[in-house]
N, C-alpha and C. Protein backbone atom coordinates (compact mmCIF):
# COMPACT_ATOMS: atom_id res chain seq x y z
N MET A 1 137.51 77.73 78.02
CA MET A 1 138.69 77.31 78.67
C MET A 1 138.55 75.82 78.97
N GLU A 2 139.45 75.13 78.44
CA GLU A 2 139.42 73.69 78.53
C GLU A 2 140.53 73.22 79.43
N PHE A 3 140.15 72.27 80.29
CA PHE A 3 141.15 71.73 81.21
C PHE A 3 141.71 70.45 80.64
N LYS A 4 142.92 70.26 80.94
CA LYS A 4 143.55 69.01 80.53
C LYS A 4 143.11 67.91 81.47
N LYS A 5 143.28 66.72 80.99
CA LYS A 5 142.87 65.56 81.77
C LYS A 5 143.58 65.54 83.12
N ARG A 6 144.80 65.93 83.12
CA ARG A 6 145.59 65.93 84.34
C ARG A 6 145.03 66.97 85.33
N GLU A 7 144.63 68.12 84.86
CA GLU A 7 144.08 69.17 85.72
C GLU A 7 142.73 68.75 86.27
N ILE A 8 141.94 68.07 85.45
CA ILE A 8 140.63 67.58 85.90
C ILE A 8 140.83 66.55 87.01
N MET A 9 141.78 65.64 86.81
CA MET A 9 142.07 64.63 87.83
C MET A 9 142.56 65.29 89.11
N LEU A 10 143.39 66.32 88.96
CA LEU A 10 143.88 67.05 90.12
C LEU A 10 142.72 67.74 90.83
N GLY A 11 141.79 68.30 90.08
CA GLY A 11 140.59 68.94 90.65
C GLY A 11 139.75 67.94 91.41
N TYR A 12 139.56 66.74 90.80
CA TYR A 12 138.81 65.70 91.49
C TYR A 12 139.54 65.25 92.77
N ALA A 13 140.84 65.13 92.69
CA ALA A 13 141.63 64.70 93.85
C ALA A 13 141.51 65.74 94.96
N ILE A 14 141.63 67.02 94.61
CA ILE A 14 141.51 68.09 95.62
C ILE A 14 140.08 68.11 96.17
N GLY A 15 139.10 67.98 95.30
CA GLY A 15 137.70 67.93 95.73
C GLY A 15 137.45 66.74 96.64
N GLY A 16 138.02 65.59 96.27
CA GLY A 16 137.87 64.38 97.09
C GLY A 16 138.51 64.55 98.45
N LEU A 17 139.73 65.14 98.46
CA LEU A 17 140.40 65.39 99.75
C LEU A 17 139.60 66.37 100.61
N PHE A 18 139.04 67.40 99.96
CA PHE A 18 138.22 68.37 100.69
C PHE A 18 136.98 67.69 101.26
N LEU A 19 136.37 66.82 100.47
CA LEU A 19 135.18 66.08 100.92
C LEU A 19 135.54 65.17 102.10
N ILE A 20 136.67 64.49 102.00
CA ILE A 20 137.11 63.62 103.11
C ILE A 20 137.37 64.47 104.36
N TRP A 21 138.05 65.61 104.19
CA TRP A 21 138.33 66.50 105.32
C TRP A 21 137.02 66.98 105.95
N LEU A 22 136.04 67.33 105.12
CA LEU A 22 134.75 67.80 105.59
C LEU A 22 134.02 66.70 106.35
N ILE A 23 134.04 65.49 105.84
CA ILE A 23 133.40 64.36 106.51
C ILE A 23 134.06 64.10 107.87
N VAL A 24 135.39 64.15 107.90
CA VAL A 24 136.12 63.93 109.16
C VAL A 24 135.74 65.00 110.17
N LYS A 25 135.77 66.28 109.75
CA LYS A 25 135.48 67.39 110.66
C LYS A 25 134.02 67.42 111.08
N ALA A 26 133.11 67.16 110.17
CA ALA A 26 131.69 67.32 110.45
C ALA A 26 131.05 66.09 111.08
N ILE A 27 131.57 64.90 110.80
CA ILE A 27 130.90 63.68 111.27
C ILE A 27 131.78 62.87 112.22
N ILE A 28 132.96 62.52 111.79
CA ILE A 28 133.78 61.57 112.55
C ILE A 28 134.29 62.17 113.87
N ILE A 29 134.83 63.39 113.85
CA ILE A 29 135.39 63.98 115.08
C ILE A 29 134.29 64.22 116.12
N PRO A 30 133.12 64.80 115.78
CA PRO A 30 132.06 64.94 116.80
C PRO A 30 131.59 63.58 117.33
N PHE A 31 131.50 62.59 116.45
CA PHE A 31 131.10 61.25 116.87
C PHE A 31 132.13 60.67 117.84
N GLN A 32 133.41 60.86 117.52
CA GLN A 32 134.48 60.36 118.37
C GLN A 32 134.46 61.07 119.73
N GLN A 33 134.22 62.39 119.73
CA GLN A 33 134.15 63.13 120.99
C GLN A 33 132.97 62.67 121.84
N LYS A 34 131.84 62.46 121.20
CA LYS A 34 130.65 61.98 121.91
C LYS A 34 130.92 60.59 122.48
N LEU A 35 131.55 59.74 121.70
CA LEU A 35 131.88 58.39 122.14
C LEU A 35 132.86 58.43 123.31
N SER A 36 133.84 59.31 123.25
CA SER A 36 134.81 59.46 124.32
C SER A 36 134.12 59.95 125.60
N GLY A 37 133.22 60.92 125.46
CA GLY A 37 132.46 61.42 126.61
C GLY A 37 131.61 60.33 127.23
N LEU A 38 130.96 59.53 126.39
CA LEU A 38 130.16 58.41 126.90
C LEU A 38 131.03 57.37 127.59
N ASN A 39 132.22 57.13 127.03
CA ASN A 39 133.17 56.20 127.65
C ASN A 39 133.54 56.68 129.06
N ASN A 40 133.86 57.97 129.17
CA ASN A 40 134.21 58.53 130.47
C ASN A 40 133.04 58.42 131.45
N GLU A 41 131.84 58.69 130.95
CA GLU A 41 130.66 58.60 131.80
C GLU A 41 130.42 57.16 132.26
N VAL A 42 130.59 56.21 131.36
CA VAL A 42 130.44 54.79 131.72
C VAL A 42 131.48 54.40 132.76
N THR A 43 132.71 54.84 132.59
CA THR A 43 133.77 54.53 133.56
C THR A 43 133.42 55.11 134.93
N LEU A 44 132.91 56.34 134.94
CA LEU A 44 132.53 56.98 136.19
C LEU A 44 131.37 56.23 136.86
N GLN A 45 130.38 55.86 136.06
CA GLN A 45 129.24 55.12 136.61
C GLN A 45 129.67 53.74 137.13
N GLU A 46 130.59 53.09 136.43
CA GLU A 46 131.10 51.80 136.90
C GLU A 46 131.79 51.96 138.25
N ALA A 47 132.58 53.02 138.39
CA ALA A 47 133.26 53.27 139.67
C ALA A 47 132.24 53.52 140.78
N ARG A 48 131.19 54.29 140.48
CA ARG A 48 130.14 54.53 141.47
C ARG A 48 129.42 53.23 141.83
N LEU A 49 129.15 52.42 140.84
CA LEU A 49 128.49 51.14 141.10
C LEU A 49 129.35 50.23 141.96
N LYS A 50 130.65 50.18 141.66
CA LYS A 50 131.55 49.35 142.47
C LYS A 50 131.57 49.83 143.91
N LYS A 51 131.60 51.15 144.10
CA LYS A 51 131.58 51.70 145.45
C LYS A 51 130.25 51.36 146.13
N GLY A 52 129.16 51.50 145.39
CA GLY A 52 127.84 51.17 145.94
C GLY A 52 127.73 49.71 146.30
N VAL A 53 128.25 48.84 145.44
CA VAL A 53 128.21 47.40 145.72
C VAL A 53 129.05 47.08 146.96
N SER A 54 130.21 47.72 147.07
CA SER A 54 131.05 47.45 148.25
C SER A 54 130.36 47.96 149.52
N LEU A 55 129.64 49.08 149.43
CA LEU A 55 128.89 49.57 150.60
C LEU A 55 127.74 48.63 150.94
N ILE A 56 127.07 48.10 149.92
CA ILE A 56 125.99 47.15 150.17
C ILE A 56 126.54 45.89 150.83
N GLU A 57 127.72 45.45 150.38
CA GLU A 57 128.33 44.27 150.99
C GLU A 57 128.71 44.53 152.45
N LYS A 58 129.05 45.78 152.76
CA LYS A 58 129.45 46.15 154.12
C LYS A 58 128.27 46.65 154.96
N LYS A 59 127.07 46.58 154.41
CA LYS A 59 125.89 47.16 155.05
C LYS A 59 125.69 46.66 156.47
N ASP A 60 125.76 45.35 156.68
CA ASP A 60 125.53 44.79 158.01
C ASP A 60 126.56 45.31 159.01
N GLY A 61 127.81 45.35 158.58
CA GLY A 61 128.87 45.86 159.46
C GLY A 61 128.67 47.33 159.78
N ILE A 62 128.26 48.10 158.77
CA ILE A 62 128.03 49.53 158.98
C ILE A 62 126.86 49.75 159.93
N GLU A 63 125.77 49.00 159.73
CA GLU A 63 124.62 49.13 160.62
C GLU A 63 124.96 48.71 162.04
N LYS A 64 125.77 47.67 162.18
CA LYS A 64 126.19 47.21 163.51
C LYS A 64 127.03 48.29 164.18
N GLU A 65 127.96 48.88 163.44
CA GLU A 65 128.81 49.94 163.98
C GLU A 65 127.97 51.18 164.31
N TYR A 66 127.01 51.51 163.46
CA TYR A 66 126.13 52.65 163.72
C TYR A 66 125.31 52.40 164.98
N GLY A 67 124.87 51.16 165.17
CA GLY A 67 124.08 50.81 166.35
C GLY A 67 124.83 51.09 167.64
N LYS A 68 126.15 50.92 167.60
CA LYS A 68 126.96 51.19 168.80
C LYS A 68 126.87 52.65 169.21
N TYR A 69 126.80 53.54 168.23
CA TYR A 69 126.86 54.97 168.51
C TYR A 69 125.51 55.67 168.40
N ALA A 70 124.48 54.97 167.98
CA ALA A 70 123.17 55.59 167.79
C ALA A 70 122.63 56.17 169.09
N SER A 71 122.88 55.50 170.21
CA SER A 71 122.36 55.99 171.48
C SER A 71 122.99 57.32 171.88
N TYR A 72 124.18 57.60 171.37
CA TYR A 72 124.82 58.88 171.69
C TYR A 72 124.08 60.06 171.06
N PHE A 73 123.27 59.79 170.06
CA PHE A 73 122.52 60.84 169.39
C PHE A 73 121.08 60.92 169.89
N SER A 74 120.75 60.17 170.94
CA SER A 74 119.38 60.12 171.44
C SER A 74 118.94 61.43 172.08
N MET A 75 119.88 62.26 172.51
CA MET A 75 119.52 63.51 173.18
C MET A 75 119.64 64.71 172.26
N GLN A 76 119.61 64.48 170.96
CA GLN A 76 119.79 65.55 169.99
C GLN A 76 118.75 66.65 170.11
N ASP A 77 117.50 66.29 170.29
CA ASP A 77 116.42 67.27 170.24
C ASP A 77 115.97 67.74 171.61
N LEU A 78 116.73 67.43 172.66
CA LEU A 78 116.34 67.80 174.01
C LEU A 78 116.87 69.19 174.36
N SER A 79 116.14 69.86 175.25
CA SER A 79 116.63 71.15 175.76
C SER A 79 117.79 70.88 176.72
N ASP A 80 118.49 71.93 177.12
CA ASP A 80 119.61 71.78 178.05
C ASP A 80 119.15 71.15 179.36
N GLU A 81 118.00 71.60 179.88
CA GLU A 81 117.49 71.07 181.15
C GLU A 81 117.17 69.58 181.04
N GLU A 82 116.54 69.19 179.94
CA GLU A 82 116.20 67.78 179.75
C GLU A 82 117.46 66.93 179.59
N ALA A 83 118.45 67.45 178.88
CA ALA A 83 119.70 66.71 178.69
C ALA A 83 120.41 66.53 180.03
N VAL A 84 120.47 67.59 180.84
CA VAL A 84 121.11 67.49 182.16
C VAL A 84 120.36 66.49 183.02
N ALA A 85 119.03 66.53 183.00
CA ALA A 85 118.23 65.58 183.78
C ALA A 85 118.52 64.14 183.35
N ASN A 86 118.64 63.91 182.05
CA ASN A 86 118.96 62.56 181.56
C ASN A 86 120.35 62.13 182.00
N PHE A 87 121.33 63.03 181.94
CA PHE A 87 122.68 62.70 182.39
C PHE A 87 122.69 62.36 183.88
N LEU A 88 122.00 63.18 184.68
CA LEU A 88 121.95 62.93 186.13
C LEU A 88 121.27 61.59 186.43
N LYS A 89 120.19 61.32 185.72
CA LYS A 89 119.47 60.06 185.91
C LYS A 89 120.37 58.87 185.58
N GLU A 90 121.12 58.98 184.50
CA GLU A 90 122.02 57.88 184.09
C GLU A 90 123.14 57.69 185.11
N VAL A 91 123.72 58.79 185.61
CA VAL A 91 124.78 58.68 186.61
C VAL A 91 124.23 58.04 187.88
N GLU A 92 123.03 58.44 188.31
CA GLU A 92 122.42 57.84 189.50
C GLU A 92 122.18 56.35 189.32
N LYS A 93 121.68 55.97 188.17
CA LYS A 93 121.41 54.55 187.89
C LYS A 93 122.71 53.75 187.94
N ILE A 94 123.75 54.27 187.29
CA ILE A 94 125.03 53.56 187.25
C ILE A 94 125.62 53.45 188.65
N SER A 95 125.53 54.54 189.43
CA SER A 95 126.10 54.50 190.78
C SER A 95 125.33 53.53 191.67
N ARG A 96 124.02 53.49 191.52
CA ARG A 96 123.20 52.56 192.31
C ARG A 96 123.57 51.11 191.96
N ASP A 97 123.72 50.83 190.66
CA ASP A 97 124.08 49.47 190.23
C ASP A 97 125.48 49.08 190.70
N ALA A 98 126.39 50.04 190.78
CA ALA A 98 127.77 49.75 191.17
C ALA A 98 127.95 49.74 192.69
N GLY A 99 126.97 50.26 193.43
CA GLY A 99 127.09 50.31 194.88
C GLY A 99 127.82 51.55 195.38
N LEU A 100 127.98 52.54 194.54
CA LEU A 100 128.64 53.79 194.91
C LEU A 100 127.61 54.70 195.57
N THR A 101 127.93 55.26 196.72
CA THR A 101 127.01 56.15 197.43
C THR A 101 127.30 57.60 197.04
N ILE A 102 126.33 58.23 196.40
CA ILE A 102 126.50 59.63 196.00
C ILE A 102 126.04 60.51 197.15
N LEU A 103 126.94 61.38 197.61
CA LEU A 103 126.63 62.32 198.69
C LEU A 103 126.09 63.63 198.13
N ASP A 104 126.65 64.07 197.02
CA ASP A 104 126.26 65.34 196.41
C ASP A 104 126.53 65.27 194.91
N MET A 105 125.57 65.76 194.14
CA MET A 105 125.75 65.77 192.68
C MET A 105 125.17 67.08 192.16
N LYS A 106 126.04 67.90 191.55
CA LYS A 106 125.61 69.21 191.07
C LYS A 106 126.02 69.39 189.61
N PRO A 107 125.06 69.67 188.76
CA PRO A 107 125.42 70.00 187.37
C PRO A 107 125.87 71.46 187.30
N GLN A 108 126.81 71.74 186.42
CA GLN A 108 127.24 73.12 186.20
C GLN A 108 126.16 73.81 185.37
N LYS A 109 125.98 75.09 185.60
CA LYS A 109 124.93 75.82 184.87
C LYS A 109 125.29 76.04 183.41
N GLU A 110 126.54 76.30 183.16
CA GLU A 110 127.00 76.58 181.79
C GLU A 110 127.34 75.27 181.09
N SER A 111 126.89 75.14 179.87
CA SER A 111 127.30 73.97 179.08
C SER A 111 128.28 74.44 178.01
N LYS A 112 129.35 73.70 177.85
CA LYS A 112 130.32 74.02 176.81
C LYS A 112 129.87 73.32 175.53
N GLY A 113 130.36 73.79 174.42
CA GLY A 113 130.01 73.09 173.20
C GLY A 113 130.64 73.71 171.98
N ASP A 114 130.48 73.00 170.90
CA ASP A 114 130.89 73.49 169.60
C ASP A 114 129.73 73.25 168.66
N LYS A 115 129.97 73.32 167.36
CA LYS A 115 128.85 73.17 166.43
C LYS A 115 128.37 71.72 166.31
N PHE A 116 129.11 70.76 166.88
CA PHE A 116 128.72 69.36 166.77
C PHE A 116 128.18 68.78 168.07
N SER A 117 128.57 69.35 169.21
CA SER A 117 128.19 68.74 170.48
C SER A 117 128.06 69.78 171.58
N LYS A 118 127.39 69.36 172.66
CA LYS A 118 127.32 70.15 173.88
C LYS A 118 127.84 69.27 175.00
N GLN A 119 128.58 69.90 175.92
CA GLN A 119 129.16 69.16 177.04
C GLN A 119 128.59 69.71 178.33
N TYR A 120 128.09 68.81 179.16
CA TYR A 120 127.49 69.18 180.43
C TYR A 120 128.34 68.60 181.55
N GLN A 121 128.88 69.48 182.41
CA GLN A 121 129.74 69.03 183.50
C GLN A 121 128.90 68.78 184.75
N ILE A 122 129.20 67.67 185.42
CA ILE A 122 128.52 67.30 186.65
C ILE A 122 129.59 67.05 187.71
N ASN A 123 129.49 67.76 188.84
CA ASN A 123 130.42 67.56 189.95
C ASN A 123 129.79 66.59 190.94
N ILE A 124 130.53 65.56 191.30
CA ILE A 124 130.00 64.49 192.15
C ILE A 124 130.90 64.31 193.36
N LYS A 125 130.27 64.17 194.53
CA LYS A 125 130.97 63.75 195.75
C LYS A 125 130.32 62.44 196.16
N ALA A 126 131.15 61.43 196.42
CA ALA A 126 130.62 60.11 196.71
C ALA A 126 131.53 59.36 197.68
N GLU A 127 131.03 58.20 198.13
CA GLU A 127 131.80 57.30 198.98
C GLU A 127 131.68 55.89 198.42
N ALA A 128 132.77 55.16 198.46
CA ALA A 128 132.77 53.76 198.03
C ALA A 128 134.15 53.19 198.27
N ASN A 129 134.23 51.86 198.18
CA ASN A 129 135.56 51.25 198.22
C ASN A 129 136.10 51.21 196.79
N MET A 130 137.33 50.78 196.65
CA MET A 130 137.99 50.82 195.34
C MET A 130 137.27 49.93 194.32
N GLN A 131 136.80 48.77 194.75
CA GLN A 131 136.13 47.85 193.83
C GLN A 131 134.85 48.48 193.27
N LYS A 132 134.06 49.10 194.14
CA LYS A 132 132.81 49.73 193.68
C LYS A 132 133.11 50.92 192.77
N LEU A 133 134.17 51.66 193.09
CA LEU A 133 134.55 52.79 192.25
C LEU A 133 134.95 52.33 190.85
N VAL A 134 135.75 51.27 190.79
CA VAL A 134 136.18 50.75 189.48
C VAL A 134 134.97 50.23 188.71
N THR A 135 134.05 49.56 189.39
CA THR A 135 132.83 49.08 188.74
C THR A 135 132.02 50.26 188.20
N PHE A 136 131.92 51.32 188.99
CA PHE A 136 131.20 52.52 188.57
C PHE A 136 131.85 53.14 187.33
N LEU A 137 133.17 53.32 187.38
CA LEU A 137 133.87 53.94 186.24
C LEU A 137 133.76 53.08 184.99
N TYR A 138 133.82 51.76 185.15
CA TYR A 138 133.68 50.86 184.01
C TYR A 138 132.28 50.98 183.41
N ALA A 139 131.26 50.98 184.28
CA ALA A 139 129.88 51.10 183.79
C ALA A 139 129.64 52.47 183.15
N LEU A 140 130.26 53.50 183.70
CA LEU A 140 130.14 54.85 183.14
C LEU A 140 130.74 54.89 181.73
N HIS A 141 131.88 54.23 181.59
CA HIS A 141 132.56 54.17 180.29
C HIS A 141 131.73 53.41 179.26
N ASN A 142 131.05 52.35 179.69
CA ASN A 142 130.27 51.51 178.78
C ASN A 142 128.80 51.91 178.71
N SER A 143 128.46 53.05 179.25
CA SER A 143 127.08 53.50 179.27
C SER A 143 126.57 53.80 177.86
N SER A 144 125.25 53.81 177.72
CA SER A 144 124.65 54.16 176.42
C SER A 144 124.71 55.66 176.18
N VAL A 145 125.10 56.40 177.20
CA VAL A 145 125.29 57.85 177.10
C VAL A 145 126.79 58.10 177.14
N LEU A 146 127.24 59.07 176.39
CA LEU A 146 128.68 59.34 176.30
C LEU A 146 129.14 60.19 177.48
N PHE A 147 129.98 59.59 178.33
CA PHE A 147 130.52 60.27 179.50
C PHE A 147 132.04 60.28 179.44
N SER A 148 132.61 61.28 180.12
CA SER A 148 134.06 61.38 180.26
C SER A 148 134.34 61.86 181.68
N VAL A 149 135.30 61.23 182.35
CA VAL A 149 135.69 61.67 183.69
C VAL A 149 136.83 62.66 183.52
N GLU A 150 136.56 63.91 183.88
CA GLU A 150 137.55 64.97 183.72
C GLU A 150 138.52 65.03 184.89
N LYS A 151 137.98 64.85 186.11
CA LYS A 151 138.80 64.99 187.31
C LYS A 151 138.35 63.93 188.30
N LEU A 152 139.31 63.32 188.97
CA LEU A 152 139.00 62.30 189.97
C LEU A 152 139.97 62.46 191.14
N VAL A 153 139.41 62.72 192.32
CA VAL A 153 140.22 62.88 193.53
C VAL A 153 139.76 61.83 194.53
N LEU A 154 140.71 61.02 195.01
CA LEU A 154 140.42 59.96 195.98
C LEU A 154 141.12 60.28 197.29
N VAL A 155 140.35 60.26 198.38
CA VAL A 155 140.90 60.50 199.71
C VAL A 155 140.37 59.40 200.61
N PRO A 156 141.25 58.74 201.39
CA PRO A 156 140.76 57.70 202.31
C PRO A 156 139.79 58.31 203.32
N LYS A 157 138.70 57.58 203.60
CA LYS A 157 137.69 58.06 204.55
C LYS A 157 138.26 58.10 205.96
N ALA A 158 138.97 57.07 206.31
CA ALA A 158 139.66 56.99 207.60
C ALA A 158 140.99 56.32 207.35
N GLU A 159 141.84 56.34 208.36
CA GLU A 159 143.19 55.83 208.17
C GLU A 159 143.22 54.34 207.80
N ASP A 160 142.45 53.52 208.47
CA ASP A 160 142.46 52.08 208.21
C ASP A 160 141.25 51.62 207.40
N SER A 161 140.45 52.52 206.92
CA SER A 161 139.21 52.17 206.22
C SER A 161 139.48 51.91 204.73
N PRO A 162 138.81 50.89 204.17
CA PRO A 162 138.94 50.67 202.72
C PRO A 162 138.07 51.64 201.91
N ASP A 163 137.18 52.36 202.60
CA ASP A 163 136.30 53.29 201.91
C ASP A 163 137.03 54.58 201.55
N LEU A 164 136.57 55.19 200.47
CA LEU A 164 137.20 56.40 199.95
C LEU A 164 136.18 57.52 199.85
N ASN A 165 136.62 58.74 200.10
CA ASN A 165 135.83 59.92 199.75
C ASN A 165 136.24 60.29 198.32
N ILE A 166 135.27 60.37 197.46
CA ILE A 166 135.55 60.56 196.03
C ILE A 166 134.97 61.90 195.58
N THR A 167 135.78 62.67 194.90
CA THR A 167 135.32 63.90 194.25
C THR A 167 135.69 63.78 192.78
N MET A 168 134.69 63.94 191.93
CA MET A 168 134.97 63.81 190.49
C MET A 168 134.13 64.78 189.68
N SER A 169 134.64 65.10 188.53
CA SER A 169 133.90 65.88 187.54
C SER A 169 133.68 64.98 186.33
N VAL A 170 132.41 64.78 186.04
CA VAL A 170 132.03 63.94 184.90
C VAL A 170 131.41 64.86 183.85
N VAL A 171 131.78 64.64 182.60
CA VAL A 171 131.22 65.43 181.50
C VAL A 171 130.37 64.50 180.64
N GLY A 172 129.11 64.90 180.45
CA GLY A 172 128.22 64.19 179.55
C GLY A 172 128.18 64.92 178.22
N VAL A 173 128.26 64.18 177.14
CA VAL A 173 128.31 64.80 175.80
C VAL A 173 127.02 64.47 175.06
N SER A 174 126.41 65.50 174.53
CA SER A 174 125.21 65.36 173.71
C SER A 174 125.52 65.94 172.33
N PHE A 175 125.28 65.17 171.29
CA PHE A 175 125.56 65.64 169.94
C PHE A 175 124.39 66.47 169.42
N VAL A 176 124.72 67.54 168.74
CA VAL A 176 123.71 68.47 168.24
C VAL A 176 123.17 67.97 166.93
């Protein structure tokens, strides 16, 4: 069986097209997919690097900001009794510096909390004039320990006296 020249050329053309199709499927498409995957990976790594570089540039600011709050985590590993003792000691120090006279200070036995923090309530009865009270509250707010005043009751000590009888509930927060 003899093929005509035209049929032979058609056979070569079909064979050539099949060979081209095989090369595309077996070599070019997998290479293109691998290249595309590498491109995506490079883009992802570039984005991570840019984020890392921006964090490195902000490092000093981040460390400064962390420094502001680092003292709030100082009581992380303390027992409840030790944490209460530290809160009481800090309140006494602040009141002494402000000139506030503490008459009675009682911590609550139960501490409230969630999975991130524990809250210790301290009931305080004190005497001071308004200036000393404001100084105390300001120092309490700016303390290295995290405090919150939950309740504050002011009653004049006497009718014409500038001194006040103060009853307050202060909550100290310790992060777990």
